[in-house]
Amino acid sequence: MKIHLGFEEFAYDVRHTAQSPLSTRTRARLAKKQSAQQLAYGAGETTTSVAARLEADYEVVETFYEQPNIQDYIVNLLEDALYDITEVVMDTDQPPIVPIPIKNINKIEDRFRRALARKEIKGPGIPTGTAEAGVSHLYTDPYKKRAPRPSFIDTGMYQQSFRAWVED
C-alpha cells in the first residue's frame, strides 16, 4: 500500500467558475469585475504546474510530511482504517469495496490545508516575500499594502487542489 500526496489539476483560469476547487463562499467573495492583474494572474498555469514549481523551490509537501507528528498522524489514520477493515472482513467474510475510507483520506487533506493556513510549514524562503507583503489576487488591487498572509495561499487554488490517495 502506498499513499500519495499531490494535487488535482485545475487551470487557474477556472478559479471564478463552478469547476474551481474553491468553495462557493470564497468564489462569492471575489470581486465581480476582475482587474487586469487578476485576469493575468495564473494565465496558462495549472495547479499541478504551480505545485511542481513550489515543490522544487520550497519543498512544501515534503516539509509538511516531515513535520513532527505528521507521519505518525498519517500512519495512525491508516492503522485505524485497516483495523476497521479487519473488523468488517471478520464480521461479513467480504472485504469492503473501498480499501481506505474516504473520511481518513480527507483528514490528511484537511491537515495539509490547515498547516498552510496556520503557517506551520517552515523552511528556507518561507514565509515568502509576497506573503509577507500581503499580496492577494483575490482583490482587485493585489499589490495594495495589506497584513501578511500565509505563504502559498494567494488565490486558494493551490491549497484547495491538494489531494491524498492510496494505491494498493
Protein backbone atom coordinates (compact mmCIF):
# COMPACT_ATOMS: atom_id res chain seq x y z
CA MET A 1 0.00 0.00 0.00
CA LYS A 2 1.34 3.41 -0.96
CA ILE A 3 -0.06 6.79 -0.02
CA HIS A 4 0.34 9.65 -2.47
CA LEU A 5 0.26 13.34 -1.64
CA GLY A 6 -0.27 15.57 -4.65
CA PHE A 7 -2.53 17.97 -6.47
CA GLU A 8 -5.55 17.70 -8.71
CA GLU A 9 -5.10 19.62 -11.92
CA PHE A 10 -7.19 22.75 -12.36
CA ALA A 11 -6.47 25.62 -14.72
CA TYR A 12 -6.10 28.88 -12.84
CA ASP A 13 -8.49 30.35 -15.40
CA VAL A 14 -11.38 28.39 -13.79
CA ARG A 15 -10.88 29.83 -10.31
CA HIS A 16 -14.00 32.00 -10.64
CA THR A 17 -16.22 29.29 -12.13
CA ALA A 18 -18.20 26.36 -10.74
CA GLN A 19 -15.37 23.99 -11.83
CA SER A 20 -13.00 25.68 -9.37
CA PRO A 21 -11.88 23.79 -6.24
CA LEU A 22 -12.56 26.98 -4.27
CA SER A 23 -15.62 26.97 -2.06
CA THR A 24 -18.77 28.77 -3.16
CA ARG A 25 -18.24 31.22 -0.31
CA THR A 26 -14.70 32.05 -1.46
CA ARG A 27 -15.80 32.49 -5.07
CA ALA A 28 -18.61 34.80 -3.87
CA ARG A 29 -16.05 37.00 -2.07
CA LEU A 30 -14.12 37.55 -5.29
CA ALA A 31 -14.57 40.89 -6.97
CA LYS A 32 -17.39 40.84 -9.53
CA LYS A 33 -15.23 42.71 -12.02
CA GLN A 34 -11.67 41.43 -12.29
CA SER A 35 -8.75 43.82 -12.68
CA ALA A 36 -6.19 43.28 -15.43
CA GLN A 37 -3.75 42.00 -12.78
CA GLN A 38 -6.27 39.45 -11.54
CA LEU A 39 -7.16 38.27 -15.02
CA ALA A 40 -3.49 37.88 -15.98
CA TYR A 41 -2.59 36.02 -12.78
CA GLY A 42 -2.12 32.33 -13.46
CA ALA A 43 -2.96 32.58 -17.16
CA GLY A 44 -1.87 29.34 -18.80
CA GLU A 45 -0.98 27.81 -15.41
CA THR A 46 -2.48 24.80 -13.69
CA THR A 47 -2.44 23.84 -10.06
CA THR A 48 -0.11 20.91 -10.82
CA SER A 49 2.40 23.12 -12.66
CA VAL A 50 2.37 25.60 -9.77
CA ALA A 51 2.69 22.74 -7.27
CA ALA A 52 5.70 21.32 -9.15
CA ARG A 53 7.40 24.73 -9.12
CA LEU A 54 6.66 25.30 -5.43
CA GLU A 55 7.90 21.80 -4.58
CA ALA A 56 11.13 22.43 -6.50
CA ASP A 57 11.66 25.82 -4.83
CA TYR A 58 10.29 25.26 -1.31
CA GLU A 59 9.61 21.50 -0.88
CA VAL A 60 6.20 22.35 0.57
CA VAL A 61 4.66 18.85 0.61
CA GLU A 62 7.91 17.21 1.68
CA THR A 63 8.31 19.74 4.50
CA PHE A 64 4.70 19.13 5.56
CA TYR A 65 5.24 15.36 5.63
CA GLU A 66 8.46 15.69 7.63
CA GLN A 67 6.88 17.87 10.32
CA PRO A 68 6.85 16.38 13.80
CA ASN A 69 3.80 14.15 14.29
CA ILE A 70 2.55 14.29 10.67
CA GLN A 71 3.98 10.90 9.72
CA ASP A 72 2.55 9.43 12.92
CA TYR A 73 -0.78 11.13 12.22
CA ILE A 74 -0.98 9.58 8.75
CA VAL A 75 0.13 6.15 9.99
CA ASN A 76 -2.48 6.26 12.77
CA LEU A 77 -5.22 7.15 10.27
CA LEU A 78 -4.21 4.24 8.06
CA GLU A 79 -3.95 1.87 11.04
CA ASP A 80 -7.44 2.87 12.17
CA ALA A 81 -8.76 2.25 8.66
CA LEU A 82 -7.08 -1.15 8.46
CA TYR A 83 -8.47 -2.07 11.88
CA ASP A 84 -11.97 -1.14 10.71
CA ILE A 85 -11.47 -3.16 7.51
CA THR A 86 -10.35 -6.18 9.52
CA GLU A 87 -13.48 -5.97 11.65
CA VAL A 88 -15.69 -5.76 8.55
CA VAL A 89 -13.97 -8.78 6.98
CA MET A 90 -14.28 -10.80 10.19
CA ASP A 91 -17.97 -9.92 10.54
CA THR A 92 -19.04 -10.34 6.91
CA ASP A 93 -16.35 -12.51 5.27
CA GLN A 94 -16.19 -9.91 2.49
CA PRO A 95 -13.65 -7.16 2.01
CA PRO A 96 -15.01 -3.63 1.80
CA ILE A 97 -15.35 -2.07 -1.63
CA VAL A 98 -13.11 0.88 -0.72
CA PRO A 99 -9.83 -0.22 0.91
CA ILE A 100 -9.28 3.02 2.86
CA PRO A 101 -12.38 5.03 3.75
CA ILE A 102 -12.53 8.46 2.15
CA LYS A 103 -13.01 10.08 5.58
CA ASN A 104 -9.47 9.01 6.52
CA ILE A 105 -8.04 10.41 3.29
CA ASN A 106 -9.99 13.65 3.76
CA LYS A 107 -8.40 14.08 7.19
CA ILE A 108 -4.94 14.06 5.59
CA GLU A 109 -6.03 16.65 3.03
CA ASP A 110 -7.60 18.83 5.74
CA ARG A 111 -4.44 18.59 7.84
CA PHE A 112 -2.30 19.86 4.93
CA ARG A 113 -4.68 22.74 4.27
CA ARG A 114 -4.68 23.70 7.97
CA ALA A 115 -0.87 23.55 8.06
CA LEU A 116 -0.73 26.08 5.21
CA ALA A 117 -3.37 28.34 6.77
CA ARG A 118 -1.72 28.25 10.21
CA LYS A 119 1.74 28.97 8.77
CA GLU A 120 3.05 25.69 10.19
CA ILE A 121 5.23 24.88 7.18
CA LYS A 122 8.65 26.38 7.78
CA GLY A 123 11.75 26.24 5.64
CA PRO A 124 14.22 28.27 3.61
CA GLY A 125 12.42 31.15 1.94
CA ILE A 126 9.25 30.58 3.95
CA PRO A 127 7.41 32.83 4.63
CA THR A 128 7.61 34.08 1.07
CA GLY A 129 8.08 37.76 0.27
CA THR A 130 4.68 38.03 -1.40
CA ALA A 131 3.00 36.52 1.65
CA GLU A 132 4.82 38.93 3.97
CA ALA A 133 3.72 41.82 1.73
CA GLY A 134 0.09 40.62 1.87
CA VAL A 135 -0.18 40.20 -1.91
CA SER A 136 -3.52 38.60 -2.78
CA HIS A 137 -5.04 38.16 -6.21
CA LEU A 138 -8.45 37.78 -4.58
CA TYR A 139 -8.55 41.59 -4.52
CA THR A 140 -8.88 43.98 -7.44
CA ASP A 141 -5.56 45.59 -6.43
CA PRO A 142 -3.47 42.54 -5.48
CA TYR A 143 -0.37 44.52 -4.53
CA LYS A 144 -2.03 47.02 -2.20
CA LYS A 145 -0.37 47.07 1.23
CA ARG A 146 -2.10 44.52 3.48
CA ALA A 147 -1.37 42.46 6.55
CA PRO A 148 0.82 39.40 5.92
CA ARG A 149 -1.00 36.28 4.76
CA PRO A 150 0.04 32.62 4.91
CA SER A 151 2.53 31.54 2.24
CA PHE A 152 1.19 29.59 -0.75
CA ILE A 153 -2.39 30.81 -0.25
CA ASP A 154 -2.79 33.65 -2.72
CA THR A 155 -5.99 32.68 -4.51
CA GLY A 156 -6.52 29.43 -2.57
CA MET A 157 -6.31 27.24 -5.70
CA TYR A 158 -3.07 25.54 -4.63
CA GLN A 159 -4.37 24.84 -1.13
CA GLN A 160 -7.76 23.53 -2.25
CA SER A 161 -6.41 21.31 -5.04
CA PHE A 162 -4.27 19.24 -2.64
CA ARG A 163 -5.25 15.56 -2.66
CA ALA A 164 -4.18 12.38 -0.91
CA TRP A 165 -4.90 8.94 -2.32
CA VAL A 166 -3.97 5.35 -1.67
CA GLU A 167 -2.53 2.91 -4.18
CA ASP A 168 -2.65 -0.80 -3.46
